[in-house]
């Protein structure tokens, strides 16, 4: 029997923060297997984001996924961290001459 996925209490706030900053967001929290909660489109790049509350920890599946993934997975705990990630991403893209 499939298990209902757990959504962190701050996930809606984090999604709203990304969208307020002009990012596109796709909620993938139901995918399972440790796949991150969100795919965020920002400044022409895709960011994989795992939402956690302040004291939340990664599940064994999440630890495994992050360890095997050949890219970055960002762990975001607040709207402020989402904003910081967007600013950082845009600065990095600007340095490279894109957007």
Protein backbone atom coordinates (compact mmCIF):
# COMPACT_ATOMS: atom_id res chain seq x y z
CA UNK A 1 0.00 0.00 0.00
CA UNK A 2 1.53 3.40 -0.97
CA UNK A 3 2.38 5.65 1.91
CA UNK A 4 1.25 9.29 1.91
CA UNK A 5 4.20 11.63 1.56
CA UNK A 6 5.04 14.03 4.35
CA UNK A 7 5.27 17.72 3.50
CA UNK A 8 7.29 19.95 5.82
CA UNK A 9 5.25 22.67 7.52
CA UNK A 10 7.28 25.47 5.90
CA UNK A 11 7.14 24.15 2.34
CA UNK A 12 4.28 26.43 1.23
CA UNK A 13 6.14 29.46 2.61
CA UNK A 14 9.32 28.43 0.76
CA UNK A 15 7.42 27.90 -2.50
CA UNK A 16 5.76 31.32 -2.12
CA UNK A 17 9.17 32.95 -1.53
CA UNK A 18 10.64 31.43 -4.69
CA UNK A 19 7.62 32.45 -6.76
CA UNK A 20 7.63 36.00 -5.33
CA UNK A 21 11.20 36.28 -6.64
CA UNK A 22 10.12 35.31 -10.15
CA UNK A 23 11.14 31.66 -10.06
CA UNK A 24 9.09 28.81 -11.44
CA UNK A 25 8.47 26.00 -8.96
CA UNK A 26 7.32 22.42 -9.42
CA UNK A 27 6.35 20.47 -6.30
CA UNK A 28 7.85 16.98 -6.50
CA UNK A 29 7.29 16.01 -2.88
CA UNK A 30 5.16 13.06 -3.94
CA UNK A 31 7.82 11.46 -6.15
CA UNK A 32 9.44 9.50 -3.32
CA UNK A 33 12.70 7.59 -3.33
CA UNK A 34 14.49 10.51 -1.71
CA UNK A 35 13.89 12.84 -4.67
CA UNK A 36 13.93 16.49 -3.51
CA UNK A 37 10.70 18.32 -2.75
CA UNK A 38 11.02 21.04 -5.39
CA UNK A 39 12.49 21.77 -8.79
CA UNK A 40 13.01 25.52 -9.03
CA UNK A 41 13.73 27.37 -12.27
CA UNK A 42 15.91 30.41 -11.56
CA UNK A 43 17.89 32.56 -14.00
CA UNK A 44 17.92 29.82 -16.62
CA UNK A 45 19.07 27.01 -14.32
CA UNK A 46 17.22 24.28 -12.46
CA UNK A 47 17.70 23.91 -8.72
CA UNK A 48 16.78 20.79 -6.77
CA UNK A 49 15.52 21.86 -3.34
CA UNK A 50 14.77 19.77 -0.28
CA UNK A 51 12.58 21.64 2.22
CA UNK A 52 13.25 21.03 5.90
CA UNK A 53 12.06 22.70 9.06
CA UNK A 54 14.63 24.25 11.39
CA UNK A 55 15.36 20.99 13.19
CA UNK A 56 14.33 18.60 10.42
CA UNK A 57 16.73 15.89 9.32
CA UNK A 58 17.16 14.02 6.06
CA UNK A 59 15.60 10.59 5.70
CA UNK A 60 17.83 7.65 4.72
CA UNK A 61 16.38 7.81 1.16
CA UNK A 62 17.22 11.51 0.93
CA UNK A 63 20.77 10.93 2.17
CA UNK A 64 21.19 8.18 -0.44
CA UNK A 65 19.74 10.30 -3.27
CA UNK A 66 21.95 13.29 -2.44
CA UNK A 67 25.00 11.04 -2.20
CA UNK A 68 24.37 9.47 -5.60
CA UNK A 69 23.19 12.60 -7.46
CA UNK A 70 25.84 14.10 -9.74
CA UNK A 71 24.58 17.62 -9.14
CA UNK A 72 23.62 19.84 -6.25
CA UNK A 73 20.66 19.50 -3.93
CA UNK A 74 19.97 22.53 -1.76
CA UNK A 75 18.46 22.10 1.70
CA UNK A 76 16.29 25.12 2.42
CA UNK A 77 14.78 25.76 5.84
CA UNK A 78 13.11 29.18 5.46
CA UNK A 79 11.84 31.81 3.05
CA UNK A 80 15.00 33.81 3.83
CA UNK A 81 17.21 30.91 2.75
CA UNK A 82 15.16 30.64 -0.46
CA UNK A 83 15.75 34.33 -1.11
CA UNK A 84 19.48 33.95 -0.39
CA UNK A 85 19.71 31.03 -2.83
CA UNK A 86 18.00 33.04 -5.60
CA UNK A 87 20.32 36.02 -5.06
CA UNK A 88 23.39 33.75 -5.05
CA UNK A 89 22.24 31.93 -8.19
CA UNK A 90 21.55 35.15 -10.06
CA UNK A 91 24.96 36.54 -9.07
CA UNK A 92 26.73 33.39 -10.27
CA UNK A 93 24.87 33.45 -13.59
CA UNK A 94 25.66 37.16 -14.06
CA UNK A 95 29.38 36.45 -13.51
CA UNK A 96 29.22 33.92 -16.33
CA UNK A 97 27.49 36.38 -18.65
CA UNK A 98 24.08 34.71 -18.79
CA UNK A 99 20.86 36.64 -18.15
